[in-house]
Amino acid sequence: MRVHSYFYGSKISIARQLQFLWKWAHKCSLRMMEIEGTASQKVLVKFARKCRQVAWEALLRHPIPQLGGPGVIVQIDESKFNHKSKVRK
């Protein structure tokens, strides 16, 4: 199951990775996952980066024809692009 898949090259158990994927897909924060004991912050950041990379590659292989259009509003979360928090102290 690890060969030629998302799980390839990881020393983390598949069960732990599936737990992360489920929480990531449901928009659970990395901080909350760390508090719950899913994994350390360092591991969670690597998992999230890998998920974004897989999603990006999927979009390249299967592009979305058009975003938006007449009567459609598209919102883009800029914090995902410039690596700055939306919350300012």
C-alpha atoms as a PDB file:
ATOM      1  CA  MET A   1       0.000   0.000   0.000  1.00  0.00           C
ATOM      2  CA  ARG A   2       2.954   2.338   0.587  1.00  0.00           C
ATOM      3  CA  VAL A   3       4.521   1.851  -2.852  1.00  0.00           C
ATOM      4  CA  HIS A   4       3.673   4.551  -5.450  1.00  0.00           C
ATOM      5  CA  SER A   5       1.183   6.274  -3.165  1.00  0.00           C
ATOM      6  CA  TYR A   6       0.813   9.182  -0.781  1.00  0.00           C
ATOM      7  CA  PHE A   7       2.159   6.895   1.960  1.00  0.00           C
ATOM      8  CA  TYR A   8       5.441   6.119   0.192  1.00  0.00           C
ATOM      9  CA  GLY A   9       8.603   6.868   2.146  1.00  0.00           C
ATOM     10  CA  SER A  10       6.943   7.658   5.456  1.00  0.00           C
ATOM     11  CA  LYS A  11       7.888   6.001   8.732  1.00  0.00           C
ATOM     12  CA  ILE A  12       4.590   7.095  10.295  1.00  0.00           C
ATOM     13  CA  SER A  13       1.930   4.385  10.488  1.00  0.00           C
ATOM     14  CA  ILE A  14      -0.735   4.376   7.812  1.00  0.00           C
ATOM     15  CA  ALA A  15      -3.385   4.547  10.541  1.00  0.00           C
ATOM     16  CA  ARG A  16      -1.865   7.770  11.899  1.00  0.00           C
ATOM     17  CA  GLN A  17      -1.627   9.244   8.388  1.00  0.00           C
ATOM     18  CA  LEU A  18      -5.252   8.363   7.646  1.00  0.00           C
ATOM     19  CA  GLN A  19      -6.257  10.020  10.906  1.00  0.00           C
ATOM     20  CA  PHE A  20      -4.422  13.165   9.810  1.00  0.00           C
ATOM     21  CA  LEU A  21      -5.957  13.087   6.306  1.00  0.00           C
ATOM     22  CA  TRP A  22      -9.461  12.779   7.719  1.00  0.00           C
ATOM     23  CA  LYS A  23      -8.931  15.710  10.089  1.00  0.00           C
ATOM     24  CA  TRP A  24      -7.189  17.802   7.408  1.00  0.00           C
ATOM     25  CA  ALA A  25     -10.056  17.206   4.976  1.00  0.00           C
ATOM     26  CA  HIS A  26     -12.481  18.375   7.675  1.00  0.00           C
ATOM     27  CA  LYS A  27     -10.416  21.555   8.202  1.00  0.00           C
ATOM     28  CA  CYS A  28      -9.224  20.726  11.704  1.00  0.00           C
ATOM     29  CA  SER A  29      -6.358  23.067  12.579  1.00  0.00           C
ATOM     30  CA  LEU A  30      -2.828  21.723  12.905  1.00  0.00           C
ATOM     31  CA  ARG A  31      -2.695  23.200  16.408  1.00  0.00           C
ATOM     32  CA  MET A  32      -5.807  21.241  17.415  1.00  0.00           C
ATOM     33  CA  MET A  33      -4.350  18.047  15.916  1.00  0.00           C
ATOM     34  CA  GLU A  34      -1.171  18.610  17.919  1.00  0.00           C
ATOM     35  CA  ILE A  35      -3.166  19.127  21.130  1.00  0.00           C
ATOM     36  CA  GLU A  36      -5.149  15.937  20.430  1.00  0.00           C
ATOM     37  CA  GLY A  37      -1.890  14.022  20.032  1.00  0.00           C
ATOM     38  CA  THR A  38      -2.213  13.224  16.329  1.00  0.00           C
ATOM     39  CA  ALA A  39       1.486  14.058  15.844  1.00  0.00           C
ATOM     40  CA  SER A  40       4.108  16.681  16.635  1.00  0.00           C
ATOM     41  CA  GLN A  41       3.895  20.111  15.024  1.00  0.00           C
ATOM     42  CA  LYS A  42       6.888  19.319  12.803  1.00  0.00           C
ATOM     43  CA  VAL A  43       5.261  16.135  11.467  1.00  0.00           C
ATOM     44  CA  LEU A  44       1.881  17.836  11.010  1.00  0.00           C
ATOM     45  CA  VAL A  45       3.437  20.655   8.972  1.00  0.00           C
ATOM     46  CA  LYS A  46       5.124  18.054   6.726  1.00  0.00           C
ATOM     47  CA  PHE A  47       1.819  16.189   6.319  1.00  0.00           C
ATOM     48  CA  ALA A  48      -0.022  19.410   5.415  1.00  0.00           C
ATOM     49  CA  ARG A  49       2.667  20.408   2.909  1.00  0.00           C
ATOM     50  CA  LYS A  50       2.450  16.966   1.314  1.00  0.00           C
ATOM     51  CA  CYS A  51      -1.360  17.191   1.100  1.00  0.00           C
ATOM     52  CA  ARG A  52      -1.169  20.590  -0.592  1.00  0.00           C
ATOM     53  CA  GLN A  53       1.405  19.214  -3.053  1.00  0.00           C
ATOM     54  CA  VAL A  54      -0.808  16.230  -3.912  1.00  0.00           C
ATOM     55  CA  ALA A  55      -3.804  18.537  -4.363  1.00  0.00           C
ATOM     56  CA  TRP A  56      -1.768  20.864  -6.597  1.00  0.00           C
ATOM     57  CA  GLU A  57      -0.573  17.971  -8.768  1.00  0.00           C
ATOM     58  CA  ALA A  58      -4.162  16.729  -9.081  1.00  0.00           C
ATOM     59  CA  LEU A  59      -5.276  20.190 -10.240  1.00  0.00           C
ATOM     60  CA  LEU A  60      -2.502  20.230 -12.826  1.00  0.00           C
ATOM     61  CA  ARG A  61      -3.593  16.836 -14.166  1.00  0.00           C
ATOM     62  CA  HIS A  62      -7.314  17.682 -14.041  1.00  0.00           C
ATOM     63  CA  PRO A  63      -7.638  21.465 -14.384  1.00  0.00           C
ATOM     64  CA  ILE A  64     -10.814  23.266 -13.500  1.00  0.00           C
ATOM     65  CA  PRO A  65     -12.068  24.901 -16.725  1.00  0.00           C
ATOM     66  CA  GLN A  66     -13.063  28.202 -15.137  1.00  0.00           C
ATOM     67  CA  LEU A  67     -13.363  29.725 -11.693  1.00  0.00           C
ATOM     68  CA  GLY A  68     -16.172  32.162 -11.251  1.00  0.00           C
ATOM     69  CA  GLY A  69     -18.228  33.588 -14.071  1.00  0.00           C
ATOM     70  CA  PRO A  70     -21.308  35.749 -14.436  1.00  0.00           C
ATOM     71  CA  GLY A  71     -23.157  35.948 -11.131  1.00  0.00           C
ATOM     72  CA  VAL A  72     -20.538  33.859  -9.247  1.00  0.00           C
ATOM     73  CA  ILE A  73     -18.291  35.260  -6.519  1.00  0.00           C
ATOM     74  CA  VAL A  74     -14.984  33.501  -5.882  1.00  0.00           C
ATOM     75  CA  GLN A  75     -13.167  33.989  -2.570  1.00  0.00           C
ATOM     76  CA  ILE A  76      -9.462  33.176  -2.326  1.00  0.00           C
ATOM     77  CA  ASP A  77      -7.753  32.758   1.029  1.00  0.00           C
ATOM     78  CA  GLU A  78      -4.616  34.836   0.498  1.00  0.00           C
ATOM     79  CA  SER A  79      -3.011  33.486   3.673  1.00  0.00           C
ATOM     80  CA  LYS A  80      -2.330  30.237   1.812  1.00  0.00           C
ATOM     81  CA  PHE A  81      -0.187  32.103  -0.716  1.00  0.00           C
ATOM     82  CA  ASN A  82       1.842  34.634   1.246  1.00  0.00           C
ATOM     83  CA  HIS A  83       2.290  32.574   4.433  1.00  0.00           C
ATOM     84  CA  LYS A  84       1.009  35.356   6.687  1.00  0.00           C
ATOM     85  CA  SER A  85      -1.634  34.846   9.322  1.00  0.00           C
ATOM     86  CA  LYS A  86      -4.957  36.564   8.761  1.00  0.00           C
ATOM     87  CA  VAL A  87      -5.030  37.441  12.483  1.00  0.00           C
ATOM     88  CA  ARG A  88      -2.974  40.495  13.360  1.00  0.00           C
ATOM     89  CA  LYS A  89      -1.811  41.138  16.894  1.00  0.00           C
END
